Amino acid sequence: MFCGGVILLTNNRNSIRLFRWLEQRVPTQLYSDALALDMLEGCRPLLVVSYNYTHIVSEKILSFMKGNIINLHISYLPWNRGAYPNLWSFLEDTPKGVTIHRMEKGLDTGDILYQREMFFDETKETLASSHRKLNEEIVRLFQEHWTEIREGTYPITPQQGKGSYHALKDMRELLRKRKIERLDWNMTVTEFKELMEKKVP
């Protein structure tokens, strides 16, 4: 039975690179289903890491892990909690970056361990390249601070300010109103913003 290591919660292939890196350093289990309390009670992991994970983690699990469950989010919290953080950061001209934070019952609201602001040339950067760079940076940030994260010696900073939040349906509704069936992720950020600002006939 897997015991005492790291459980990496994910539903996205973007997380595989981090999984490969982790399993070279500590016993690591990749997990994509809804997390159950009895599983954690049986294996008692050192740490649970959520990265591109779509399931809600229950308060009972958060309590059981006693702060040892963290989330990797590709936004500069408290800005752009929730879905499509890179797209909303461009549309609303809010800070961009990546954040590692403790999980709590509110979505992307937990105390911050580490974060890094990022800047993009919107005339050259595409939606796809910005998304890729954010994912590369969050993994890099995790790797840089792995020792502190593993040992629980990381700093804690409460999130400041209201920030912003967007549900998955918000972007879908926006695209529907703009009569856009599918986004071209190879368009530049500038082209994306111009597209979203066009008058709908």
Protein backbone atom coordinates (compact mmCIF):
# COMPACT_ATOMS: atom_id res chain seq x y z
CA MET A 1 0.00 0.00 0.00
CA PHE A 2 1.16 3.53 -0.81
CA CYS A 3 1.95 5.31 2.47
CA GLY A 4 3.70 8.40 3.74
CA GLY A 5 4.51 10.10 0.46
CA VAL A 6 2.80 12.67 -1.76
CA ILE A 7 -0.56 12.37 -3.48
CA LEU A 8 -0.74 14.54 -6.60
CA LEU A 9 -4.35 15.33 -7.45
CA THR A 10 -4.85 16.17 -11.11
CA ASN A 11 -7.13 15.76 -14.12
CA ASN A 12 -4.79 17.30 -16.66
CA ARG A 13 -1.74 16.16 -18.61
CA ASN A 14 -0.01 19.44 -17.72
CA SER A 15 0.70 17.88 -14.32
CA ILE A 16 2.69 14.88 -15.58
CA ARG A 17 5.99 16.76 -15.63
CA LEU A 18 5.60 17.62 -11.95
CA PHE A 19 4.63 14.02 -11.15
CA ARG A 20 7.77 12.67 -12.83
CA TRP A 21 9.91 15.13 -10.92
CA LEU A 22 8.26 14.32 -7.58
CA GLU A 23 8.44 10.55 -7.89
CA GLN A 24 12.23 10.79 -8.20
CA ARG A 25 12.34 12.38 -4.74
CA VAL A 26 9.53 10.88 -2.70
CA PRO A 27 6.94 8.10 -3.13
CA THR A 28 4.23 9.80 -5.21
CA GLN A 29 0.78 8.68 -6.29
CA LEU A 30 -1.09 10.30 -9.17
CA TYR A 31 -4.80 10.51 -8.37
CA SER A 32 -7.61 11.83 -10.58
CA ASP A 33 -10.81 10.60 -8.88
CA ALA A 34 -12.70 12.37 -6.09
CA LEU A 35 -10.57 12.17 -2.95
CA ALA A 36 -12.08 10.07 -0.14
CA LEU A 37 -11.36 10.43 3.56
CA ASP A 38 -11.03 6.67 4.15
CA MET A 39 -8.27 6.53 1.53
CA LEU A 40 -6.29 9.21 3.34
CA GLU A 41 -6.85 7.53 6.69
CA GLY A 42 -5.42 4.35 5.22
CA CYS A 43 -2.33 5.77 3.51
CA ARG A 44 -1.67 8.89 5.64
CA PRO A 45 0.29 10.89 3.03
CA LEU A 46 2.93 13.39 4.02
CA LEU A 47 1.40 15.94 1.65
CA VAL A 48 -1.42 16.28 -0.84
CA VAL A 49 -0.79 18.54 -3.85
CA SER A 50 -3.66 19.69 -6.06
CA TYR A 51 -2.74 20.86 -9.56
CA ASN A 52 -5.31 21.13 -12.35
CA TYR A 53 -7.74 19.11 -10.23
CA THR A 54 -11.46 19.43 -10.96
CA HIS A 55 -13.03 17.76 -7.91
CA ILE A 56 -14.10 19.59 -4.75
CA VAL A 57 -12.10 18.60 -1.66
CA SER A 58 -14.37 18.22 1.37
CA GLU A 59 -13.94 20.11 4.62
CA LYS A 60 -13.46 16.79 6.44
CA ILE A 61 -10.46 16.04 4.26
CA LEU A 62 -9.05 19.53 4.72
CA SER A 63 -9.39 19.14 8.47
CA PHE A 64 -7.81 15.68 8.44
CA MET A 65 -4.77 16.93 6.50
CA LYS A 66 -4.24 19.80 8.99
CA GLY A 67 -2.93 22.25 6.40
CA ASN A 68 -0.84 19.69 4.52
CA ILE A 69 -2.88 19.99 1.34
CA ILE A 70 -1.83 22.70 -1.10
CA ASN A 71 -2.98 23.91 -4.49
CA LEU A 72 -1.00 25.15 -7.48
CA HIS A 73 -2.95 27.87 -9.30
CA ILE A 74 -1.87 29.75 -12.43
CA SER A 75 -3.01 33.18 -11.32
CA TYR A 76 -1.64 35.91 -9.08
CA LEU A 77 -4.06 35.46 -6.18
CA PRO A 78 -6.35 36.92 -5.04
CA TRP A 79 -6.89 37.81 -8.71
CA ASN A 80 -8.62 35.36 -11.01
CA ARG A 81 -9.64 32.59 -8.69
CA GLY A 82 -11.48 29.79 -10.45
CA ALA A 83 -11.48 28.92 -14.16
CA TYR A 84 -9.53 30.33 -17.14
CA PRO A 85 -7.34 32.60 -15.00
CA ASN A 86 -4.99 33.59 -17.82
CA LEU A 87 -7.85 34.61 -20.13
CA TRP A 88 -9.57 36.73 -17.49
CA SER A 89 -6.31 38.38 -16.49
CA PHE A 90 -5.99 39.68 -20.04
CA LEU A 91 -9.64 40.63 -20.46
CA GLU A 92 -9.80 42.52 -17.17
CA ASP A 93 -6.18 43.75 -17.16
CA THR A 94 -5.45 42.29 -13.72
CA PRO A 95 -2.10 41.04 -12.34
CA LYS A 96 -0.79 37.85 -13.90
CA GLY A 97 1.31 35.16 -12.30
CA VAL A 98 1.28 31.92 -10.32
CA THR A 99 0.50 31.03 -6.72
CA ILE A 100 1.02 28.10 -4.37
CA HIS A 101 -1.47 28.24 -1.53
CA ARG A 102 -3.03 26.17 1.22
CA MET A 103 -6.39 24.71 0.36
CA GLU A 104 -9.43 25.69 2.40
CA LYS A 105 -13.18 25.43 1.83
CA GLY A 106 -13.33 28.56 -0.36
CA LEU A 107 -12.11 28.10 -3.95
CA ASP A 108 -8.52 29.39 -4.29
CA THR A 109 -8.89 31.43 -1.09
CA GLY A 110 -6.30 29.83 1.22
CA ASP A 111 -3.17 31.38 2.67
CA ILE A 112 -0.34 31.94 0.20
CA LEU A 113 2.94 30.05 0.47
CA TYR A 114 4.68 31.41 -2.60
CA GLN A 115 3.71 33.41 -5.65
CA ARG A 116 5.38 35.10 -8.58
CA GLU A 117 4.08 37.86 -10.81
CA MET A 118 4.58 37.49 -14.56
CA PHE A 119 4.44 39.88 -17.50
CA PHE A 120 3.59 39.21 -21.13
CA ASP A 121 4.03 41.05 -24.42
CA GLU A 122 0.42 40.85 -25.56
CA THR A 123 1.27 41.58 -29.19
CA LYS A 124 3.49 38.49 -29.39
CA GLU A 125 2.16 36.13 -26.73
CA THR A 126 -0.60 33.74 -27.73
CA LEU A 127 -3.28 32.30 -25.47
CA ALA A 128 -1.55 28.93 -25.74
CA SER A 129 1.97 30.21 -25.07
CA SER A 130 0.86 32.27 -22.06
CA HIS A 131 -0.91 29.24 -20.63
CA ARG A 132 2.16 27.07 -21.19
CA LYS A 133 4.49 29.61 -19.57
CA LEU A 134 2.24 29.94 -16.52
CA ASN A 135 2.26 26.17 -16.07
CA GLU A 136 6.02 26.02 -16.49
CA GLU A 137 6.45 28.78 -13.91
CA ILE A 138 4.18 27.20 -11.26
CA VAL A 139 6.15 23.95 -11.53
CA ARG A 140 9.43 25.87 -11.31
CA LEU A 141 8.20 27.75 -8.23
CA PHE A 142 7.21 24.47 -6.56
CA GLN A 143 10.57 22.89 -7.36
CA GLU A 144 12.50 25.89 -6.02
CA HIS A 145 10.71 25.63 -2.67
CA TRP A 146 10.27 21.86 -2.49
CA THR A 147 12.38 21.42 0.65
CA GLU A 148 10.34 23.95 2.65
CA ILE A 149 7.07 22.58 1.26
CA ARG A 150 8.05 19.00 2.15
CA GLU A 151 9.15 19.96 5.66
CA GLY A 152 6.28 22.39 6.30
CA THR A 153 8.66 25.28 6.99
CA TYR A 154 7.20 27.59 4.34
CA PRO A 155 5.95 31.12 5.14
CA ILE A 156 2.23 31.81 5.33
CA THR A 157 0.66 35.02 4.01
CA PRO A 158 -3.12 35.58 4.11
CA GLN A 159 -4.60 36.76 0.83
CA GLN A 160 -5.19 40.51 0.77
CA GLY A 161 -8.11 42.22 -0.93
CA LYS A 162 -11.18 40.99 -2.72
CA GLY A 163 -9.48 40.05 -6.00
CA SER A 164 -11.72 38.35 -8.56
CA TYR A 165 -13.39 35.03 -9.27
CA HIS A 166 -14.78 33.40 -12.42
CA ALA A 167 -16.66 30.12 -12.73
CA LEU A 168 -16.30 27.84 -15.74
CA LYS A 169 -19.72 28.93 -16.96
CA ASP A 170 -18.67 32.61 -17.03
CA MET A 171 -16.30 32.15 -19.95
CA ARG A 172 -18.74 29.86 -21.74
CA GLU A 173 -21.48 32.46 -21.39
CA LEU A 174 -19.21 35.23 -22.59
CA LEU A 175 -18.26 33.25 -25.69
CA ARG A 176 -21.90 32.39 -26.34
CA LYS A 177 -22.89 36.05 -26.21
CA ARG A 178 -20.06 36.87 -28.61
CA LYS A 179 -21.23 34.04 -30.90
CA ILE A 180 -17.84 32.34 -30.64
CA GLU A 181 -18.09 28.55 -30.81
CA ARG A 182 -14.45 27.83 -30.11
CA LEU A 183 -11.43 29.92 -29.20
CA ASP A 184 -8.33 29.75 -31.34
CA TRP A 185 -5.62 29.40 -28.72
CA ASN A 186 -2.99 30.29 -31.30
CA MET A 187 -4.22 33.88 -31.57
CA THR A 188 -2.21 36.55 -29.83
CA VAL A 189 -3.51 38.12 -26.64
CA THR A 190 -4.05 41.37 -28.55
CA GLU A 191 -6.14 39.56 -31.16
CA PHE A 192 -8.12 37.84 -28.43
CA LYS A 193 -8.94 41.13 -26.71
CA GLU A 194 -9.90 42.76 -30.00
CA LEU A 195 -12.16 39.80 -30.78
CA MET A 196 -13.89 40.07 -27.43
CA GLU A 197 -14.36 43.84 -27.86
CA LYS A 198 -16.02 43.62 -31.30
CA LYS A 199 -19.65 44.56 -31.50
CA VAL A 200 -21.94 41.58 -31.89
CA PRO A 201 -24.19 41.94 -34.96
